[in-house]
Amino acid sequence: MRLSARNQLQGTVRGINQGAAIANVELDVAGQRLVASVTMEAVEDLGLAEGDRVTAVIKASDVILAKE
């Protein structure tokens, strides 16, 4: 599948915290933790499980940085 989004990160599913409608999918991306909130329907449709290799596609109009 080809996408126009350039922010694509390869990672491994490390855990899935399932809620009633939303799941937080924890990824390991080159040693960094990334959490994606997706619908439970998406988790089921993709058949996501711990250990799966996935691509996180990030499409956002804003990036906010903070410094203390």
N, C-alpha and C. Protein backbone atom coordinates (compact mmCIF):
# COMPACT_ATOMS: atom_id res chain seq x y z
N MET A 1 0.84 -1.17 0.00
CA MET A 1 0.00 0.00 0.00
C MET A 1 0.89 1.24 0.00
N ARG A 2 0.63 2.15 -0.89
CA ARG A 2 1.38 3.40 -0.94
C ARG A 2 0.53 4.51 -0.32
N LEU A 3 1.17 5.35 0.50
CA LEU A 3 0.48 6.45 1.17
C LEU A 3 1.21 7.76 0.94
N SER A 4 0.47 8.85 0.98
CA SER A 4 1.11 10.16 0.85
C SER A 4 1.73 10.61 2.17
N ALA A 5 1.30 10.06 3.29
CA ALA A 5 1.84 10.44 4.60
C ALA A 5 3.30 10.02 4.68
N ARG A 6 4.16 10.95 5.05
CA ARG A 6 5.59 10.68 5.11
C ARG A 6 6.06 10.23 6.49
N ASN A 7 5.26 10.46 7.50
CA ASN A 7 5.64 10.08 8.86
C ASN A 7 5.17 8.66 9.13
N GLN A 8 5.96 7.70 8.72
CA GLN A 8 5.65 6.29 8.90
C GLN A 8 6.75 5.65 9.75
N LEU A 9 6.33 5.08 10.87
CA LEU A 9 7.28 4.50 11.81
C LEU A 9 7.02 3.00 11.94
N GLN A 10 8.05 2.20 11.72
CA GLN A 10 7.96 0.75 11.86
C GLN A 10 8.12 0.39 13.33
N GLY A 11 7.25 -0.48 13.82
CA GLY A 11 7.35 -0.86 15.22
C GLY A 11 6.76 -2.23 15.48
N THR A 12 6.85 -2.63 16.74
CA THR A 12 6.34 -3.92 17.20
C THR A 12 5.34 -3.68 18.31
N VAL A 13 4.20 -4.36 18.23
CA VAL A 13 3.18 -4.24 19.27
C VAL A 13 3.71 -4.88 20.55
N ARG A 14 3.74 -4.12 21.63
CA ARG A 14 4.22 -4.61 22.93
C ARG A 14 3.09 -4.88 23.89
N GLY A 15 1.91 -4.31 23.61
CA GLY A 15 0.76 -4.56 24.48
C GLY A 15 -0.47 -3.85 23.94
N ILE A 16 -1.63 -4.37 24.32
CA ILE A 16 -2.90 -3.78 23.91
C ILE A 16 -3.78 -3.67 25.15
N ASN A 17 -4.12 -2.44 25.52
CA ASN A 17 -4.99 -2.19 26.66
C ASN A 17 -6.38 -1.91 26.11
N GLN A 18 -7.26 -2.92 26.18
CA GLN A 18 -8.57 -2.82 25.56
C GLN A 18 -9.59 -2.20 26.50
N GLY A 19 -10.35 -1.24 25.96
CA GLY A 19 -11.47 -0.66 26.69
C GLY A 19 -12.76 -1.09 26.03
N ALA A 20 -13.85 -0.41 26.37
CA ALA A 20 -15.15 -0.76 25.80
C ALA A 20 -15.20 -0.44 24.31
N ALA A 21 -14.66 0.72 23.92
CA ALA A 21 -14.72 1.15 22.52
C ALA A 21 -13.34 1.47 21.94
N ILE A 22 -12.41 1.86 22.81
CA ILE A 22 -11.08 2.30 22.37
C ILE A 22 -10.01 1.39 22.98
N ALA A 23 -8.97 1.13 22.20
CA ALA A 23 -7.82 0.37 22.70
C ALA A 23 -6.57 1.24 22.58
N ASN A 24 -5.73 1.18 23.57
CA ASN A 24 -4.42 1.82 23.50
C ASN A 24 -3.42 0.74 23.12
N VAL A 25 -2.83 0.90 21.95
CA VAL A 25 -1.88 -0.07 21.42
C VAL A 25 -0.48 0.47 21.64
N GLU A 26 0.29 -0.20 22.49
CA GLU A 26 1.66 0.23 22.81
C GLU A 26 2.63 -0.39 21.82
N LEU A 27 3.43 0.47 21.20
CA LEU A 27 4.42 0.02 20.22
C LEU A 27 5.82 0.29 20.71
N ASP A 28 6.75 -0.53 20.26
CA ASP A 28 8.18 -0.28 20.43
C ASP A 28 8.68 0.15 19.05
N VAL A 29 9.10 1.40 18.96
CA VAL A 29 9.62 1.95 17.70
C VAL A 29 11.08 2.30 17.93
N ALA A 30 11.97 1.42 17.50
CA ALA A 30 13.41 1.63 17.66
C ALA A 30 13.78 1.96 19.10
N GLY A 31 13.17 1.22 20.05
CA GLY A 31 13.48 1.41 21.46
C GLY A 31 12.69 2.51 22.13
N GLN A 32 11.84 3.21 21.40
CA GLN A 32 11.01 4.27 21.97
C GLN A 32 9.57 3.77 22.06
N ARG A 33 8.90 4.18 23.12
CA ARG A 33 7.51 3.78 23.34
C ARG A 33 6.58 4.75 22.61
N LEU A 34 5.65 4.21 21.85
CA LEU A 34 4.64 5.00 21.15
C LEU A 34 3.30 4.33 21.41
N VAL A 35 2.30 5.12 21.81
CA VAL A 35 0.98 4.57 22.08
C VAL A 35 0.00 5.16 21.09
N ALA A 36 -0.74 4.29 20.42
CA ALA A 36 -1.77 4.70 19.48
C ALA A 36 -3.13 4.34 20.04
N SER A 37 -4.05 5.29 20.07
CA SER A 37 -5.43 5.03 20.48
C SER A 37 -6.25 4.75 19.23
N VAL A 38 -6.79 3.56 19.15
CA VAL A 38 -7.59 3.16 17.99
C VAL A 38 -8.87 2.50 18.49
N THR A 39 -9.84 2.34 17.61
CA THR A 39 -11.08 1.69 18.01
C THR A 39 -10.85 0.20 18.22
N MET A 40 -11.71 -0.38 19.04
CA MET A 40 -11.65 -1.84 19.23
C MET A 40 -11.95 -2.54 17.91
N GLU A 41 -12.81 -1.94 17.10
CA GLU A 41 -13.12 -2.51 15.79
C GLU A 41 -11.86 -2.60 14.93
N ALA A 42 -11.00 -1.57 14.99
CA ALA A 42 -9.76 -1.58 14.22
C ALA A 42 -8.83 -2.69 14.71
N VAL A 43 -8.73 -2.86 16.02
CA VAL A 43 -7.89 -3.92 16.59
C VAL A 43 -8.36 -5.28 16.09
N GLU A 44 -9.66 -5.48 16.11
CA GLU A 44 -10.22 -6.75 15.67
C GLU A 44 -10.05 -6.96 14.17
N ASP A 45 -10.35 -5.90 13.38
CA ASP A 45 -10.24 -6.01 11.91
C ASP A 45 -8.81 -6.31 11.48
N LEU A 46 -7.83 -5.69 12.17
CA LEU A 46 -6.43 -5.91 11.83
C LEU A 46 -5.88 -7.18 12.45
N GLY A 47 -6.61 -7.74 13.40
CA GLY A 47 -6.13 -8.93 14.10
C GLY A 47 -4.87 -8.64 14.89
N LEU A 48 -4.80 -7.45 15.49
CA LEU A 48 -3.58 -7.05 16.21
C LEU A 48 -3.34 -7.92 17.43
N ALA A 49 -2.08 -8.26 17.62
CA ALA A 49 -1.67 -9.05 18.78
C ALA A 49 -0.25 -8.66 19.16
N GLU A 50 0.10 -8.90 20.41
CA GLU A 50 1.45 -8.61 20.89
C GLU A 50 2.47 -9.34 20.02
N GLY A 51 3.52 -8.63 19.64
CA GLY A 51 4.56 -9.20 18.81
C GLY A 51 4.41 -8.89 17.32
N ASP A 52 3.23 -8.41 16.92
CA ASP A 52 3.01 -8.06 15.51
C ASP A 52 3.88 -6.89 15.09
N ARG A 53 4.41 -6.96 13.88
CA ARG A 53 5.12 -5.83 13.26
C ARG A 53 4.07 -4.97 12.57
N VAL A 54 4.09 -3.67 12.85
CA VAL A 54 3.11 -2.75 12.27
C VAL A 54 3.81 -1.47 11.82
N THR A 55 3.09 -0.68 11.05
CA THR A 55 3.56 0.64 10.66
C THR A 55 2.61 1.67 11.25
N ALA A 56 3.14 2.59 12.04
CA ALA A 56 2.35 3.69 12.58
C ALA A 56 2.45 4.83 11.55
N VAL A 57 1.31 5.24 11.04
CA VAL A 57 1.26 6.34 10.07
C VAL A 57 0.72 7.56 10.80
N ILE A 58 1.52 8.62 10.86
CA ILE A 58 1.16 9.81 11.62
C ILE A 58 0.87 10.94 10.65
N LYS A 59 -0.35 11.43 10.70
CA LYS A 59 -0.74 12.54 9.84
C LYS A 59 -1.35 13.59 10.75
N ALA A 60 -0.64 14.68 10.94
CA ALA A 60 -1.12 15.73 11.85
C ALA A 60 -0.76 17.09 11.27
N SER A 61 -1.62 18.05 11.56
CA SER A 61 -1.35 19.40 11.07
C SER A 61 -0.53 20.21 12.06
N ASP A 62 -0.44 19.74 13.30
CA ASP A 62 0.30 20.47 14.33
C ASP A 62 1.19 19.54 15.13
N VAL A 63 2.34 20.04 15.51
CA VAL A 63 3.21 19.38 16.46
C VAL A 63 3.50 20.42 17.55
N ILE A 64 3.22 20.07 18.79
CA ILE A 64 3.39 21.01 19.89
C ILE A 64 4.57 20.56 20.74
N LEU A 65 5.51 21.47 20.98
CA LEU A 65 6.66 21.19 21.83
C LEU A 65 6.54 22.01 23.11
N ALA A 66 7.05 21.47 24.19
CA ALA A 66 7.06 22.19 25.47
C ALA A 66 8.43 22.01 26.12
N LYS A 67 8.85 23.04 26.84
CA LYS A 67 10.10 22.95 27.58
C LYS A 67 9.90 23.61 28.93
N GLU A 68 10.37 22.91 29.97
CA GLU A 68 10.24 23.48 31.32
C GLU A 68 11.43 24.31 31.66
